[in-house]
């Protein structure tokens, strides 16, 4: 398995162990992880702390993001995709997009390369969570 996706999965598992939504993310620059994050919306009662947003927050100011790649266990939503586009992150690698199709077209329309690994571990973890906590998931994606 891709080691950066493995690191993102570890972040998703961390969120799940904290009672949160199992979505994790890492930001990579020069083949090195410079930030990690996971969905903390439940843990911190903060509606914008999705996995990618937490990761970007943890990265802090890195100057230009044009030579980074962000990995996420799930296809980014429009909020996270907007941040990716705003900071000109050129590539997003996702674990899966079956449980949530997200904002792939939006990112691609803005020149972001999107790679979907269709990683079974990500799919199983997310689907199990959605099945067990549909109300929490629907709140996270704004479908209540």
C-alpha atoms as a PDB file:
ATOM      1  CA  UNK A   1       0.000   0.000   0.000  1.00  0.00           C
ATOM      2  CA  UNK A   2       1.071   3.558  -0.645  1.00  0.00           C
ATOM      3  CA  UNK A   3       2.780   4.693   2.596  1.00  0.00           C
ATOM      4  CA  UNK A   4       1.131   8.120   2.481  1.00  0.00           C
ATOM      5  CA  UNK A   5      -2.336   6.605   2.158  1.00  0.00           C
ATOM      6  CA  UNK A   6      -1.427   4.265   5.005  1.00  0.00           C
ATOM      7  CA  UNK A   7      -0.601   7.331   7.131  1.00  0.00           C
ATOM      8  CA  UNK A   8      -3.960   8.904   6.176  1.00  0.00           C
ATOM      9  CA  UNK A   9      -5.754   5.674   7.165  1.00  0.00           C
ATOM     10  CA  UNK A  10      -3.981   5.764  10.531  1.00  0.00           C
ATOM     11  CA  UNK A  11      -5.350   9.275  11.035  1.00  0.00           C
ATOM     12  CA  UNK A  12      -8.867   8.073  10.129  1.00  0.00           C
ATOM     13  CA  UNK A  13      -8.545   5.245  12.636  1.00  0.00           C
ATOM     14  CA  UNK A  14      -7.405   7.759  15.261  1.00  0.00           C
ATOM     15  CA  UNK A  15     -10.521   9.847  14.667  1.00  0.00           C
ATOM     16  CA  UNK A  16     -12.716   6.778  14.951  1.00  0.00           C
ATOM     17  CA  UNK A  17     -11.025   5.781  18.230  1.00  0.00           C
ATOM     18  CA  UNK A  18     -11.820   9.274  19.581  1.00  0.00           C
ATOM     19  CA  UNK A  19     -15.511   8.905  18.714  1.00  0.00           C
ATOM     20  CA  UNK A  20     -15.208  10.935  15.521  1.00  0.00           C
ATOM     21  CA  UNK A  21     -15.752  10.396  11.832  1.00  0.00           C
ATOM     22  CA  UNK A  22     -13.088   8.143  10.269  1.00  0.00           C
ATOM     23  CA  UNK A  23     -11.529  10.457   7.714  1.00  0.00           C
ATOM     24  CA  UNK A  24      -7.804  11.116   7.736  1.00  0.00           C
ATOM     25  CA  UNK A  25      -5.433  13.205   5.680  1.00  0.00           C
ATOM     26  CA  UNK A  26      -1.728  13.892   5.227  1.00  0.00           C
ATOM     27  CA  UNK A  27       0.073  16.641   3.339  1.00  0.00           C
ATOM     28  CA  UNK A  28       3.223  15.582   1.507  1.00  0.00           C
ATOM     29  CA  UNK A  29       6.075  17.723   0.220  1.00  0.00           C
ATOM     30  CA  UNK A  30       9.226  16.303  -1.359  1.00  0.00           C
ATOM     31  CA  UNK A  31       8.096  12.760  -0.508  1.00  0.00           C
ATOM     32  CA  UNK A  32       7.873  13.680   3.192  1.00  0.00           C
ATOM     33  CA  UNK A  33       4.764  14.062   5.336  1.00  0.00           C
ATOM     34  CA  UNK A  34       4.709  17.634   6.609  1.00  0.00           C
ATOM     35  CA  UNK A  35       1.297  17.509   8.293  1.00  0.00           C
ATOM     36  CA  UNK A  36      -1.312  15.033   9.455  1.00  0.00           C
ATOM     37  CA  UNK A  37      -4.940  15.555  10.342  1.00  0.00           C
ATOM     38  CA  UNK A  38      -8.243  13.856  10.876  1.00  0.00           C
ATOM     39  CA  UNK A  39     -11.874  14.797  11.103  1.00  0.00           C
ATOM     40  CA  UNK A  40     -12.396  16.432  14.520  1.00  0.00           C
ATOM     41  CA  UNK A  41     -15.833  17.863  13.935  1.00  0.00           C
ATOM     42  CA  UNK A  42     -17.365  15.737  16.682  1.00  0.00           C
ATOM     43  CA  UNK A  43     -14.427  15.795  19.092  1.00  0.00           C
ATOM     44  CA  UNK A  44     -14.025  19.587  19.013  1.00  0.00           C
ATOM     45  CA  UNK A  45     -17.632  20.533  18.198  1.00  0.00           C
ATOM     46  CA  UNK A  46     -16.333  22.397  15.145  1.00  0.00           C
ATOM     47  CA  UNK A  47     -18.240  22.029  11.868  1.00  0.00           C
ATOM     48  CA  UNK A  48     -15.279  22.910   9.642  1.00  0.00           C
ATOM     49  CA  UNK A  49     -12.664  20.564  11.100  1.00  0.00           C
ATOM     50  CA  UNK A  50     -12.858  17.978   8.341  1.00  0.00           C
ATOM     51  CA  UNK A  51      -9.790  15.790   7.843  1.00  0.00           C
ATOM     52  CA  UNK A  52      -8.240  17.938   5.129  1.00  0.00           C
ATOM     53  CA  UNK A  53      -8.954  21.162   6.999  1.00  0.00           C
ATOM     54  CA  UNK A  54      -7.339  19.803  10.173  1.00  0.00           C
ATOM     55  CA  UNK A  55      -4.336  18.669   8.143  1.00  0.00           C
ATOM     56  CA  UNK A  56      -3.935  22.093   6.518  1.00  0.00           C
ATOM     57  CA  UNK A  57      -4.321  23.760   9.904  1.00  0.00           C
ATOM     58  CA  UNK A  58      -1.609  21.512  11.325  1.00  0.00           C
ATOM     59  CA  UNK A  59       0.677  22.326   8.383  1.00  0.00           C
ATOM     60  CA  UNK A  60       0.533  26.005   9.221  1.00  0.00           C
ATOM     61  CA  UNK A  61       2.185  28.457   6.910  1.00  0.00           C
ATOM     62  CA  UNK A  62       4.361  26.573   4.452  1.00  0.00           C
ATOM     63  CA  UNK A  63       4.658  29.312   1.851  1.00  0.00           C
ATOM     64  CA  UNK A  64       3.662  27.831  -1.475  1.00  0.00           C
ATOM     65  CA  UNK A  65       1.626  24.624  -1.569  1.00  0.00           C
ATOM     66  CA  UNK A  66       2.265  24.202  -5.324  1.00  0.00           C
ATOM     67  CA  UNK A  67       4.719  21.352  -4.740  1.00  0.00           C
ATOM     68  CA  UNK A  68       2.564  19.399  -2.280  1.00  0.00           C
ATOM     69  CA  UNK A  69       0.172  16.483  -2.560  1.00  0.00           C
ATOM     70  CA  UNK A  70      -2.707  15.977  -0.154  1.00  0.00           C
ATOM     71  CA  UNK A  71      -3.891  12.476   0.654  1.00  0.00           C
ATOM     72  CA  UNK A  72      -7.337  11.837   2.078  1.00  0.00           C
ATOM     73  CA  UNK A  73      -9.129   8.620   2.882  1.00  0.00           C
ATOM     74  CA  UNK A  74     -12.313  10.043   1.307  1.00  0.00           C
ATOM     75  CA  UNK A  75     -13.018  12.314  -1.655  1.00  0.00           C
ATOM     76  CA  UNK A  76     -12.965  15.909  -0.351  1.00  0.00           C
ATOM     77  CA  UNK A  77     -16.208  17.847   0.026  1.00  0.00           C
ATOM     78  CA  UNK A  78     -16.652  21.278  -1.544  1.00  0.00           C
ATOM     79  CA  UNK A  79     -15.352  23.074   1.546  1.00  0.00           C
ATOM     80  CA  UNK A  80     -12.117  21.081   1.579  1.00  0.00           C
ATOM     81  CA  UNK A  81     -11.861  21.158  -2.207  1.00  0.00           C
ATOM     82  CA  UNK A  82     -12.186  24.949  -2.098  1.00  0.00           C
ATOM     83  CA  UNK A  83      -9.216  25.115   0.260  1.00  0.00           C
ATOM     84  CA  UNK A  84      -7.230  22.796  -2.011  1.00  0.00           C
ATOM     85  CA  UNK A  85      -8.028  24.976  -5.030  1.00  0.00           C
ATOM     86  CA  UNK A  86      -7.416  28.233  -3.142  1.00  0.00           C
ATOM     87  CA  UNK A  87      -3.904  27.182  -2.128  1.00  0.00           C
ATOM     88  CA  UNK A  88      -3.166  25.604  -5.515  1.00  0.00           C
ATOM     89  CA  UNK A  89      -2.401  22.132  -4.260  1.00  0.00           C
ATOM     90  CA  UNK A  90      -1.870  20.394  -7.608  1.00  0.00           C
ATOM     91  CA  UNK A  91      -2.715  16.808  -6.683  1.00  0.00           C
ATOM     92  CA  UNK A  92      -5.152  14.991  -4.413  1.00  0.00           C
ATOM     93  CA  UNK A  93      -4.936  11.251  -3.787  1.00  0.00           C
ATOM     94  CA  UNK A  94      -8.044   9.735  -2.227  1.00  0.00           C
ATOM     95  CA  UNK A  95      -8.705   6.362  -0.697  1.00  0.00           C
ATOM     96  CA  UNK A  96     -12.234   6.066  -2.054  1.00  0.00           C
ATOM     97  CA  UNK A  97     -15.166   7.966  -3.478  1.00  0.00           C
ATOM     98  CA  UNK A  98     -17.881   5.307  -3.437  1.00  0.00           C
ATOM     99  CA  UNK A  99     -19.453   6.324  -0.123  1.00  0.00           C
ATOM    100  CA  UNK A 100     -19.149  10.040  -0.942  1.00  0.00           C
ATOM    101  CA  UNK A 101     -18.490  11.395  -4.432  1.00  0.00           C
ATOM    102  CA  UNK A 102     -17.455  14.806  -3.099  1.00  0.00           C
ATOM    103  CA  UNK A 103     -16.141  17.600  -5.275  1.00  0.00           C
ATOM    104  CA  UNK A 104     -13.956  15.759  -7.781  1.00  0.00           C
ATOM    105  CA  UNK A 105     -15.269  17.613 -10.827  1.00  0.00           C
ATOM    106  CA  UNK A 106     -14.858  20.977  -9.092  1.00  0.00           C
ATOM    107  CA  UNK A 107     -11.220  20.257  -8.301  1.00  0.00           C
ATOM    108  CA  UNK A 108     -10.503  18.933 -11.786  1.00  0.00           C
ATOM    109  CA  UNK A 109     -12.151  21.989 -13.356  1.00  0.00           C
ATOM    110  CA  UNK A 110      -9.620  24.065 -11.424  1.00  0.00           C
ATOM    111  CA  UNK A 111      -6.609  22.064 -12.615  1.00  0.00           C
ATOM    112  CA  UNK A 112      -6.207  19.702  -9.665  1.00  0.00           C
ATOM    113  CA  UNK A 113      -5.192  16.154 -10.540  1.00  0.00           C
ATOM    114  CA  UNK A 114      -7.408  13.737  -8.608  1.00  0.00           C
ATOM    115  CA  UNK A 115      -6.363  10.106  -8.155  1.00  0.00           C
ATOM    116  CA  UNK A 116      -8.853   7.663  -6.628  1.00  0.00           C
ATOM    117  CA  UNK A 117      -7.053   4.580  -5.291  1.00  0.00           C
ATOM    118  CA  UNK A 118     -10.354   2.755  -4.646  1.00  0.00           C
ATOM    119  CA  UNK A 119      -8.764   1.424  -1.479  1.00  0.00           C
ATOM    120  CA  UNK A 120     -10.913  -1.325   0.027  1.00  0.00           C
ATOM    121  CA  UNK A 121      -9.838  -0.553   3.612  1.00  0.00           C
ATOM    122  CA  UNK A 122     -11.075   3.021   3.252  1.00  0.00           C
ATOM    123  CA  UNK A 123     -14.362   1.902   1.712  1.00  0.00           C
ATOM    124  CA  UNK A 124     -15.063  -0.718   4.378  1.00  0.00           C
ATOM    125  CA  UNK A 125     -14.190   1.638   7.261  1.00  0.00           C
ATOM    126  CA  UNK A 126     -16.364   4.452   5.902  1.00  0.00           C
ATOM    127  CA  UNK A 127     -19.317   2.246   4.946  1.00  0.00           C
ATOM    128  CA  UNK A 128     -19.328   0.601   8.386  1.00  0.00           C
ATOM    129  CA  UNK A 129     -19.327   4.020  10.030  1.00  0.00           C
ATOM    130  CA  UNK A 130     -22.172   5.307   7.818  1.00  0.00           C
ATOM    131  CA  UNK A 131     -24.229   2.177   8.527  1.00  0.00           C
ATOM    132  CA  UNK A 132     -23.685   2.475  12.296  1.00  0.00           C
ATOM    133  CA  UNK A 133     -23.960   6.289  12.604  1.00  0.00           C
ATOM    134  CA  UNK A 134     -26.115   7.610   9.750  1.00  0.00           C
ATOM    135  CA  UNK A 135     -27.224  10.703  11.680  1.00  0.00           C
ATOM    136  CA  UNK A 136     -23.654  11.737  12.446  1.00  0.00           C
ATOM    137  CA  UNK A 137     -22.596  11.154   8.846  1.00  0.00           C
ATOM    138  CA  UNK A 138     -25.536  13.097   7.432  1.00  0.00           C
ATOM    139  CA  UNK A 139     -24.725  15.972   9.792  1.00  0.00           C
ATOM    140  CA  UNK A 140     -21.105  15.938   8.577  1.00  0.00           C
ATOM    141  CA  UNK A 141     -22.078  16.251   4.910  1.00  0.00           C
ATOM    142  CA  UNK A 142     -24.931  18.686   5.518  1.00  0.00           C
ATOM    143  CA  UNK A 143     -27.733  16.241   4.702  1.00  0.00           C
ATOM    144  CA  UNK A 144     -29.771  16.462   7.920  1.00  0.00           C
END
